[in-house]
N, C-alpha and C. Protein backbone atom coordinates (compact mmCIF):
# COMPACT_ATOMS: atom_id res chain seq x y z
N MET A 1 18.04 59.27 -35.60
CA MET A 1 19.22 58.96 -33.94
C MET A 1 18.05 58.13 -33.12
N THR A 2 18.64 57.54 -32.52
CA THR A 2 17.83 57.46 -30.95
C THR A 2 18.37 58.13 -29.93
N SER A 3 17.35 58.44 -29.46
CA SER A 3 17.43 59.44 -28.15
C SER A 3 17.72 58.68 -26.65
N PHE A 4 18.79 59.01 -26.39
CA PHE A 4 19.18 58.29 -24.86
C PHE A 4 18.81 59.04 -23.78
N ASP A 5 17.82 59.20 -23.50
CA ASP A 5 17.01 59.53 -22.65
C ASP A 5 15.65 59.13 -22.61
N ASP A 6 15.18 58.69 -21.36
CA ASP A 6 13.36 58.95 -21.27
C ASP A 6 12.84 60.27 -21.03
N ASP A 7 11.18 60.60 -21.30
CA ASP A 7 10.31 61.15 -21.25
C ASP A 7 10.79 62.31 -20.43
N ASP A 8 10.69 61.66 -18.82
CA ASP A 8 11.61 62.54 -17.66
C ASP A 8 12.68 63.35 -17.88
N GLY A 9 13.49 63.08 -19.00
CA GLY A 9 15.00 63.48 -18.69
C GLY A 9 15.97 62.44 -17.93
N ALA A 10 15.17 61.33 -17.25
CA ALA A 10 16.37 60.98 -16.67
C ALA A 10 17.17 60.01 -17.44
N SER A 11 18.56 59.83 -17.28
CA SER A 11 19.66 59.39 -18.57
C SER A 11 19.23 57.92 -18.27
N LEU A 12 19.38 56.87 -19.46
CA LEU A 12 19.50 55.66 -19.48
C LEU A 12 20.95 55.09 -19.62
N MET A 13 21.80 55.98 -19.32
CA MET A 13 23.39 55.27 -19.31
C MET A 13 23.22 54.94 -18.19
N THR A 14 23.38 53.44 -17.52
CA THR A 14 24.14 52.96 -16.01
C THR A 14 24.81 52.15 -16.35
N PRO A 15 25.28 51.48 -15.15
CA PRO A 15 25.92 50.31 -15.29
C PRO A 15 25.69 48.75 -15.22
N HIS A 16 24.56 48.91 -15.66
CA HIS A 16 23.38 48.19 -16.16
C HIS A 16 23.59 48.19 -17.85
N MET A 17 23.75 48.67 -18.52
CA MET A 17 23.92 48.78 -20.15
C MET A 17 24.14 48.16 -20.75
N ALA A 18 24.07 47.29 -21.79
CA ALA A 18 24.50 46.37 -22.35
C ALA A 18 26.06 47.08 -23.29
N ALA A 19 26.82 46.53 -23.41
CA ALA A 19 28.27 46.73 -23.94
C ALA A 19 28.33 47.23 -25.62
N THR A 20 26.96 46.84 -26.19
CA THR A 20 26.38 47.15 -27.77
C THR A 20 25.21 47.68 -27.68
N ASP A 21 24.95 48.67 -26.47
CA ASP A 21 23.59 49.30 -26.67
C ASP A 21 23.67 50.16 -27.50
N PRO A 22 22.79 50.19 -28.61
CA PRO A 22 22.71 51.12 -30.03
C PRO A 22 22.13 52.71 -29.46
N ALA A 23 21.62 52.62 -28.74
CA ALA A 23 21.34 54.05 -28.28
C ALA A 23 22.75 54.60 -27.29
N PHE A 24 23.66 54.48 -26.84
CA PHE A 24 24.68 54.80 -26.20
C PHE A 24 25.83 55.06 -27.47
N ALA A 25 26.13 53.87 -28.16
CA ALA A 25 26.59 54.17 -29.42
C ALA A 25 26.48 55.62 -30.23
N ALA A 26 25.47 55.84 -30.39
CA ALA A 26 24.67 56.95 -31.12
C ALA A 26 24.98 58.11 -30.08
N LEU A 27 24.70 57.73 -28.71
CA LEU A 27 25.04 59.05 -28.03
C LEU A 27 26.83 59.43 -28.20
N LEU A 28 27.69 58.56 -28.29
CA LEU A 28 28.99 58.58 -28.06
C LEU A 28 29.42 59.13 -29.74
N LEU A 29 28.86 58.86 -30.41
CA LEU A 29 29.12 59.02 -31.84
C LEU A 29 28.96 60.34 -32.20
N SER A 30 27.84 60.61 -31.68
CA SER A 30 26.73 62.44 -31.68
C SER A 30 27.41 62.89 -31.47
N SER A 31 27.54 62.94 -30.37
CA SER A 31 28.48 64.09 -29.07
C SER A 31 29.70 64.28 -29.89
N HIS A 32 30.60 63.07 -30.15
CA HIS A 32 32.08 63.32 -30.60
C HIS A 32 32.16 64.14 -32.06
N LEU A 33 31.13 63.89 -32.90
CA LEU A 33 31.14 64.57 -33.80
C LEU A 33 30.79 66.27 -33.67
N SER A 34 29.68 65.88 -32.96
CA SER A 34 29.40 67.52 -32.58
C SER A 34 30.48 68.55 -32.27
N LEU A 35 31.13 67.91 -31.07
CA LEU A 35 32.14 68.70 -30.35
C LEU A 35 33.39 68.79 -30.95
N ALA A 36 33.70 67.73 -31.46
CA ALA A 36 35.23 67.20 -31.73
C ALA A 36 35.18 67.76 -33.68
N GLY A 37 34.08 67.99 -34.45
CA GLY A 37 34.13 68.56 -35.54
C GLY A 37 34.34 67.34 -36.67
N GLU A 38 34.49 66.01 -36.08
CA GLU A 38 35.03 64.80 -36.75
C GLU A 38 34.29 63.96 -36.48
N PRO A 39 34.08 63.28 -37.05
CA PRO A 39 33.84 61.36 -36.69
C PRO A 39 34.57 60.77 -35.58
N LEU A 40 34.44 59.98 -34.79
CA LEU A 40 34.98 59.18 -33.75
C LEU A 40 35.79 57.87 -34.61
N CYS A 41 35.10 57.53 -35.57
CA CYS A 41 35.58 56.78 -36.59
C CYS A 41 34.88 56.86 -37.95
N PRO A 42 35.55 56.60 -38.91
CA PRO A 42 35.66 56.74 -40.33
C PRO A 42 34.41 55.93 -41.08
N ALA A 43 33.90 54.64 -40.64
CA ALA A 43 33.19 54.02 -41.22
C ALA A 43 31.82 54.43 -41.15
N ALA A 44 30.96 54.62 -41.92
CA ALA A 44 29.62 54.50 -41.80
C ALA A 44 29.16 53.24 -41.82
N TRP A 45 27.84 53.70 -40.41
CA TRP A 45 27.21 52.06 -40.57
C TRP A 45 25.69 51.67 -40.57
N GLU A 46 25.19 51.09 -41.05
CA GLU A 46 23.70 50.64 -41.40
C GLU A 46 22.69 50.75 -40.63
N THR A 47 23.62 50.31 -39.81
CA THR A 47 22.67 50.71 -38.02
C THR A 47 23.53 51.19 -36.91
N GLU A 48 22.29 51.56 -35.79
CA GLU A 48 23.32 51.95 -34.61
C GLU A 48 24.01 50.51 -33.91
N ARG A 49 22.84 49.97 -34.03
CA ARG A 49 23.24 48.38 -33.39
C ARG A 49 24.98 47.77 -34.20
N ASP A 50 25.07 48.31 -35.30
CA ASP A 50 26.27 47.65 -36.07
C ASP A 50 27.59 48.25 -35.76
N ALA A 51 27.21 49.86 -35.07
CA ALA A 51 28.10 50.61 -35.04
C ALA A 51 28.64 50.56 -33.79
N ALA A 52 27.43 50.36 -32.69
CA ALA A 52 27.66 49.92 -31.28
C ALA A 52 28.49 48.64 -31.26
N ARG A 53 28.52 47.39 -31.88
CA ARG A 53 29.32 46.53 -31.87
C ARG A 53 30.64 46.86 -32.15
N TRP A 54 30.69 47.53 -33.26
CA TRP A 54 32.11 47.66 -33.85
C TRP A 54 32.62 48.40 -32.70
N LEU A 55 32.25 49.45 -32.19
CA LEU A 55 32.62 50.32 -31.13
C LEU A 55 33.41 49.33 -30.09
N TYR A 56 32.28 48.66 -29.85
CA TYR A 56 33.03 47.51 -28.36
C TYR A 56 33.98 46.56 -28.93
N GLU A 57 33.81 45.91 -29.72
CA GLU A 57 34.54 44.54 -30.33
C GLU A 57 35.46 45.10 -30.88
N GLN A 58 35.56 45.78 -32.09
CA GLN A 58 37.09 45.84 -32.94
C GLN A 58 37.15 47.45 -33.34
N ALA A 59 37.63 48.06 -31.92
CA ALA A 59 37.59 49.70 -32.30
C ALA A 59 38.95 49.10 -32.24
N PRO A 60 40.23 50.14 -33.10
CA PRO A 60 41.52 49.71 -32.65
C PRO A 60 41.94 50.96 -31.40
N PHE A 61 40.81 51.94 -30.99
CA PHE A 61 41.65 52.65 -30.04
C PHE A 61 40.81 52.02 -28.70
N GLY A 62 41.38 52.79 -27.56
CA GLY A 62 40.83 52.39 -26.02
C GLY A 62 39.43 53.52 -26.34
N LEU A 63 37.98 52.83 -25.33
CA LEU A 63 37.32 53.84 -25.35
C LEU A 63 36.45 54.12 -24.06
N LEU A 64 36.31 54.53 -23.27
CA LEU A 64 36.10 54.85 -21.86
C LEU A 64 34.81 55.79 -21.91
N ALA A 65 33.88 55.60 -20.83
CA ALA A 65 33.03 56.30 -20.43
C ALA A 65 32.41 56.67 -18.93
N HIS A 66 32.38 57.93 -18.21
CA HIS A 66 32.15 57.67 -16.56
C HIS A 66 30.87 58.63 -16.68
N ASP A 67 30.19 58.08 -15.89
CA ASP A 67 28.41 59.01 -15.46
C ASP A 67 28.56 60.14 -14.95
N THR A 68 27.95 60.88 -14.17
CA THR A 68 28.12 62.33 -13.57
C THR A 68 27.61 62.68 -12.74
N SER A 69 27.61 61.47 -12.02
CA SER A 69 27.88 61.32 -10.17
C SER A 69 29.18 61.87 -9.58
N VAL A 70 28.88 62.26 -8.19
CA VAL A 70 29.80 62.83 -7.86
C VAL A 70 31.41 62.33 -7.70
N ASP A 71 31.55 60.89 -8.18
CA ASP A 71 32.92 60.25 -7.88
C ASP A 71 32.34 59.24 -9.08
N PRO A 72 32.64 59.63 -10.43
CA PRO A 72 32.30 59.28 -11.70
C PRO A 72 32.64 58.00 -11.57
N ARG A 73 31.73 56.91 -11.98
CA ARG A 73 32.18 55.70 -12.44
C ARG A 73 31.93 55.26 -13.81
N PHE A 74 32.96 54.78 -13.97
CA PHE A 74 32.63 54.09 -15.37
C PHE A 74 31.27 53.31 -15.40
N VAL A 75 30.64 53.75 -16.73
CA VAL A 75 29.77 52.61 -17.45
C VAL A 75 29.82 52.15 -18.49
N TYR A 76 31.15 52.11 -19.32
CA TYR A 76 31.66 51.96 -20.09
C TYR A 76 33.06 51.47 -20.73
N ALA A 77 33.38 50.83 -21.21
CA ALA A 77 34.77 50.38 -21.63
C ALA A 77 34.57 49.21 -22.71
N ASN A 78 35.43 49.72 -23.85
CA ASN A 78 35.59 48.99 -24.92
C ASN A 78 36.58 47.84 -24.83
N ARG A 79 36.35 46.84 -25.53
CA ARG A 79 37.41 45.53 -25.56
C ARG A 79 38.88 46.06 -25.61
N THR A 80 39.24 47.14 -26.51
CA THR A 80 40.54 47.46 -26.75
C THR A 80 41.09 48.21 -25.04
N ALA A 81 40.24 48.65 -24.44
CA ALA A 81 40.16 49.13 -23.23
C ALA A 81 40.81 48.42 -22.22
N GLN A 82 39.53 47.17 -22.33
CA GLN A 82 39.35 46.21 -20.86
C GLN A 82 41.15 45.78 -21.32
N ASP A 83 41.38 44.86 -22.33
CA ASP A 83 42.65 44.95 -22.62
C ASP A 83 43.81 45.40 -22.31
N ARG A 84 43.75 46.71 -22.15
CA ARG A 84 44.77 47.58 -21.70
C ARG A 84 44.71 47.47 -20.13
N PHE A 85 43.81 47.81 -19.59
CA PHE A 85 43.48 47.93 -18.38
C PHE A 85 43.37 46.47 -17.49
N GLY A 86 43.33 45.06 -18.57
CA GLY A 86 43.33 44.31 -17.58
C GLY A 86 42.39 43.63 -16.77
N TYR A 87 40.93 44.66 -17.27
CA TYR A 87 39.47 43.98 -16.47
C TYR A 87 38.92 43.72 -17.44
N SER A 88 37.58 42.86 -17.11
CA SER A 88 36.65 42.23 -17.77
C SER A 88 35.72 43.46 -17.75
N TRP A 89 34.37 43.61 -17.96
CA TRP A 89 33.18 44.51 -18.32
C TRP A 89 32.75 44.69 -17.08
N ASP A 90 32.45 43.44 -16.20
CA ASP A 90 31.85 43.05 -15.17
C ASP A 90 32.94 43.67 -13.90
N GLU A 91 34.23 43.93 -14.58
CA GLU A 91 35.37 44.42 -13.00
C GLU A 91 35.47 46.09 -13.54
N PHE A 92 35.34 46.39 -14.55
CA PHE A 92 35.10 47.98 -15.12
C PHE A 92 34.20 48.52 -14.83
N VAL A 93 33.26 48.33 -15.16
CA VAL A 93 31.25 48.55 -14.96
C VAL A 93 31.41 48.88 -13.94
N GLY A 94 31.25 50.37 -13.60
CA GLY A 94 31.23 50.57 -11.67
C GLY A 94 32.37 51.39 -10.94
N LEU A 95 33.63 50.76 -11.52
CA LEU A 95 34.82 51.53 -10.70
C LEU A 95 34.73 52.78 -10.41
N PRO A 96 35.03 53.39 -9.92
CA PRO A 96 35.39 54.91 -9.84
C PRO A 96 36.31 55.28 -10.90
N SER A 97 36.16 55.94 -11.59
CA SER A 97 37.06 56.39 -12.86
C SER A 97 38.63 57.38 -12.33
N ARG A 98 38.17 57.85 -11.18
CA ARG A 98 39.59 58.41 -10.44
C ARG A 98 40.57 57.42 -10.08
N LEU A 99 39.81 55.81 -10.16
CA LEU A 99 41.12 55.03 -9.93
C LEU A 99 42.16 54.01 -10.77
N SER A 100 41.11 54.89 -12.03
CA SER A 100 42.18 54.68 -13.31
C SER A 100 43.27 55.40 -13.10
N ALA A 101 44.13 56.05 -12.41
CA ALA A 101 44.86 56.95 -12.19
C ALA A 101 45.48 56.96 -11.17
N ARG A 102 47.34 57.06 -11.14
CA ARG A 102 47.64 56.69 -9.76
C ARG A 102 47.18 57.96 -8.81
N PRO A 103 48.21 57.84 -7.83
CA PRO A 103 47.27 59.08 -6.47
C PRO A 103 48.09 60.41 -6.97
N ASP A 104 49.57 59.83 -7.57
CA ASP A 104 50.30 61.29 -7.98
C ASP A 104 50.17 61.82 -9.71
N GLY A 105 49.08 61.05 -9.90
CA GLY A 105 48.26 61.74 -11.50
C GLY A 105 47.35 62.19 -11.35
N GLN A 106 46.82 61.98 -10.12
CA GLN A 106 44.92 62.51 -9.93
C GLN A 106 44.84 64.39 -10.46
N GLU A 107 45.82 65.51 -9.85
CA GLU A 107 45.95 66.65 -10.05
C GLU A 107 45.57 66.76 -12.03
N ASP A 108 46.58 66.12 -12.76
CA ASP A 108 46.60 66.42 -14.39
C ASP A 108 45.31 65.91 -14.72
N ARG A 109 45.32 64.75 -14.27
CA ARG A 109 43.73 64.02 -14.63
C ARG A 109 42.25 64.86 -14.58
N GLU A 110 42.47 65.62 -13.32
CA GLU A 110 41.58 66.13 -12.29
C GLU A 110 41.51 67.48 -13.78
N ALA A 111 42.04 68.29 -13.68
CA ALA A 111 42.48 69.63 -14.78
C ALA A 111 42.05 69.02 -16.29
N PHE A 112 42.30 68.09 -16.49
CA PHE A 112 41.47 67.38 -18.04
C PHE A 112 40.09 67.67 -17.99
N VAL A 113 39.82 66.78 -17.16
CA VAL A 113 38.54 66.72 -16.48
C VAL A 113 37.81 67.92 -16.57
N ARG A 114 38.22 68.74 -15.94
CA ARG A 114 38.18 70.06 -15.76
C ARG A 114 37.44 70.51 -16.68
N ALA A 115 38.68 70.82 -17.80
CA ALA A 115 38.76 70.84 -18.97
C ALA A 115 37.63 70.71 -19.74
N VAL A 116 37.27 69.66 -19.90
CA VAL A 116 36.04 68.95 -20.73
C VAL A 116 34.39 69.68 -19.94
N THR A 117 34.48 69.59 -18.70
CA THR A 117 33.61 70.09 -18.13
C THR A 117 33.18 71.65 -18.59
N ASP A 118 34.30 72.37 -18.63
CA ASP A 118 33.63 73.88 -18.90
C ASP A 118 33.97 74.06 -20.27
N ASP A 119 34.83 73.50 -20.91
CA ASP A 119 34.38 73.39 -22.57
C ASP A 119 33.72 72.00 -23.57
N HIS A 120 33.28 71.74 -22.78
CA HIS A 120 32.77 70.09 -23.68
C HIS A 120 33.48 69.43 -24.03
N TYR A 121 34.84 69.63 -24.21
CA TYR A 121 35.87 69.11 -25.25
C TYR A 121 37.41 69.53 -24.60
N ALA A 122 37.53 68.10 -24.75
CA ALA A 122 39.29 68.67 -24.84
C ALA A 122 40.59 67.65 -25.48
N THR A 123 41.66 67.76 -25.71
CA THR A 123 42.15 66.63 -26.65
C THR A 123 43.44 67.54 -25.94
N GLY A 124 44.68 65.97 -27.00
CA GLY A 124 46.17 66.39 -26.51
C GLY A 124 46.61 65.87 -25.13
N TYR A 125 46.30 65.01 -24.41
CA TYR A 125 46.39 65.03 -23.14
C TYR A 125 47.15 63.32 -22.72
N GLN A 126 48.19 63.67 -22.46
CA GLN A 126 48.23 61.62 -21.86
C GLN A 126 48.87 61.85 -20.28
N GLY A 127 48.73 60.55 -20.26
CA GLY A 127 48.90 60.49 -18.44
C GLY A 127 49.43 59.07 -18.25
N ILE A 128 49.85 58.62 -17.41
CA ILE A 128 49.70 57.39 -16.43
C ILE A 128 48.82 56.84 -16.17
N ARG A 129 48.12 55.67 -16.71
CA ARG A 129 47.33 54.85 -15.57
C ARG A 129 47.44 53.52 -15.58
N VAL A 130 46.48 53.33 -14.24
CA VAL A 130 46.48 51.79 -13.48
C VAL A 130 45.89 50.72 -13.52
N GLY A 131 46.11 49.87 -14.67
CA GLY A 131 45.81 48.51 -14.40
C GLY A 131 45.02 47.50 -13.26
N LYS A 132 44.78 46.47 -13.93
CA LYS A 132 44.62 45.28 -12.70
C LYS A 132 46.00 45.26 -11.95
N GLY A 133 45.56 45.03 -10.50
CA GLY A 133 46.97 44.81 -10.15
C GLY A 133 48.22 45.62 -10.05
N GLY A 134 47.65 46.96 -10.37
CA GLY A 134 48.88 47.86 -10.28
C GLY A 134 49.73 47.73 -11.07
N ARG A 135 49.37 47.58 -12.42
CA ARG A 135 50.25 47.81 -13.36
C ARG A 135 49.58 49.02 -14.25
N THR A 136 51.51 49.49 -14.52
CA THR A 136 50.89 50.86 -15.02
C THR A 136 51.48 51.10 -16.50
N PHE A 137 50.81 51.70 -17.23
CA PHE A 137 51.03 52.45 -18.43
C PHE A 137 50.96 53.86 -19.27
N TRP A 138 50.96 54.46 -20.28
CA TRP A 138 50.72 55.36 -20.54
C TRP A 138 49.36 55.19 -21.54
N ILE A 139 48.44 56.28 -21.43
CA ILE A 139 47.43 56.80 -22.62
C ILE A 139 47.96 57.79 -22.80
N GLU A 140 48.06 57.87 -24.05
CA GLU A 140 48.63 58.81 -25.23
C GLU A 140 47.46 59.30 -26.15
N ASP A 141 47.52 60.50 -26.83
CA ASP A 141 46.83 61.20 -27.93
C ASP A 141 45.10 61.19 -27.67
N VAL A 142 44.54 61.08 -26.22
CA VAL A 142 43.67 61.40 -25.43
C VAL A 142 42.56 62.71 -26.38
N THR A 143 41.50 62.15 -26.36
CA THR A 143 40.38 63.17 -26.25
C THR A 143 39.15 63.09 -25.79
N MET A 144 38.82 63.61 -24.93
CA MET A 144 37.86 63.20 -23.69
C MET A 144 36.57 64.62 -24.22
N TRP A 145 35.23 64.41 -24.35
CA TRP A 145 34.43 64.76 -24.26
C TRP A 145 32.70 64.43 -23.75
N ASP A 146 32.18 65.76 -23.53
CA ASP A 146 30.90 65.54 -23.09
C ASP A 146 29.50 64.29 -24.13
N LEU A 147 29.06 63.63 -23.04
CA LEU A 147 27.97 62.71 -23.71
C LEU A 147 27.02 63.81 -23.78
N ILE A 148 26.37 64.79 -24.53
CA ILE A 148 25.16 65.55 -24.41
C ILE A 148 24.51 64.92 -25.56
N ASP A 149 22.91 64.74 -24.88
CA ASP A 149 21.90 64.53 -25.72
C ASP A 149 21.15 65.16 -26.85
N THR A 150 20.32 64.79 -27.58
CA THR A 150 19.80 65.60 -28.56
C THR A 150 19.52 66.76 -27.53
N HIS A 151 18.16 66.75 -26.48
CA HIS A 151 18.36 68.03 -25.41
C HIS A 151 18.55 68.44 -24.57
N GLY A 152 19.97 68.36 -25.11
CA GLY A 152 21.05 69.14 -24.63
C GLY A 152 21.65 68.90 -23.13
N ARG A 153 21.03 67.39 -22.83
CA ARG A 153 21.38 67.14 -21.17
C ARG A 153 23.15 66.29 -21.73
N ILE A 154 23.74 66.63 -20.38
CA ILE A 154 24.52 65.96 -20.49
C ILE A 154 24.88 64.81 -19.42
N HIS A 155 25.35 63.56 -20.13
CA HIS A 155 24.81 62.20 -19.29
C HIS A 155 26.57 61.81 -18.90
N GLY A 156 27.17 62.22 -19.15
CA GLY A 156 28.58 61.82 -18.54
C GLY A 156 29.75 62.30 -19.24
N GLN A 157 30.64 61.49 -19.19
CA GLN A 157 32.02 61.79 -20.45
C GLN A 157 32.63 60.90 -21.07
N ALA A 158 33.33 60.90 -22.11
CA ALA A 158 33.80 59.86 -22.84
C ALA A 158 35.39 60.02 -23.00
N ALA A 159 36.18 59.40 -23.31
CA ALA A 159 37.57 59.39 -23.59
C ALA A 159 38.06 58.36 -24.62
N VAL A 160 38.66 58.66 -25.62
CA VAL A 160 39.07 57.73 -26.19
C VAL A 160 40.64 58.25 -26.10
N PHE A 161 41.50 56.85 -26.15
CA PHE A 161 42.90 57.20 -26.35
C PHE A 161 43.37 55.85 -27.64
N ARG A 162 44.20 56.95 -28.28
CA ARG A 162 44.69 56.00 -29.73
C ARG A 162 45.82 55.16 -29.73
N SER A 163 46.63 55.51 -28.47
CA SER A 163 47.68 54.70 -28.56
C SER A 163 48.16 54.51 -26.53
N SER A 164 48.79 53.60 -26.56
CA SER A 164 49.58 53.28 -24.89
C SER A 164 51.04 52.71 -25.11
N SER A 165 51.55 52.92 -23.87
CA SER A 165 52.56 52.17 -24.17
C SER A 165 53.19 52.22 -22.73
N PRO A 166 54.18 51.27 -22.13
CA PRO A 166 54.23 50.76 -21.02
C PRO A 166 55.48 51.71 -20.29
N THR A 167 55.53 51.88 -19.07
CA THR A 167 56.20 52.80 -18.58
C THR A 167 56.92 52.46 -17.97
N GLY A 168 57.33 51.17 -17.94
CA GLY A 168 58.62 50.97 -17.61
C GLY A 168 58.92 50.23 -16.07
N ARG A 169 57.56 50.55 -15.79
CA ARG A 169 57.48 49.59 -14.44
C ARG A 169 56.74 48.54 -13.89
């Protein structure tokens, strides 16, 4: 597996990484398997590049990740998430992740993020999200986990939502 950090321990997870970065795919997949006890996706890939491409281009679920900054910013959003939120890669990456939830949904979102910070993993969340132009929708069956490299360093958090539905607004 490719390590997702450099020799001095600095994270290589930045808003400028490629959407199909093989090291990032390896970090997503290995962290999820370790913390959830099951693979994120059922297929076994011959290369990390194949896995990265599938996660970004073809995964039937929304997959997002943010960094560890004080006001975490998205560093990854697969095409399913981009389509649901209505943002392109360039619009999504760098956006503060808190802006994905309505102001009246921040408390629930923060509680879920804190649960992941405390336990490295949480599941069973649903919440209303805000897409481009203020359009709202539910994300459901959400699992979130810390992105932990082979040295035990946390590089951010990832979330997968397996379904979404309109709010009616």
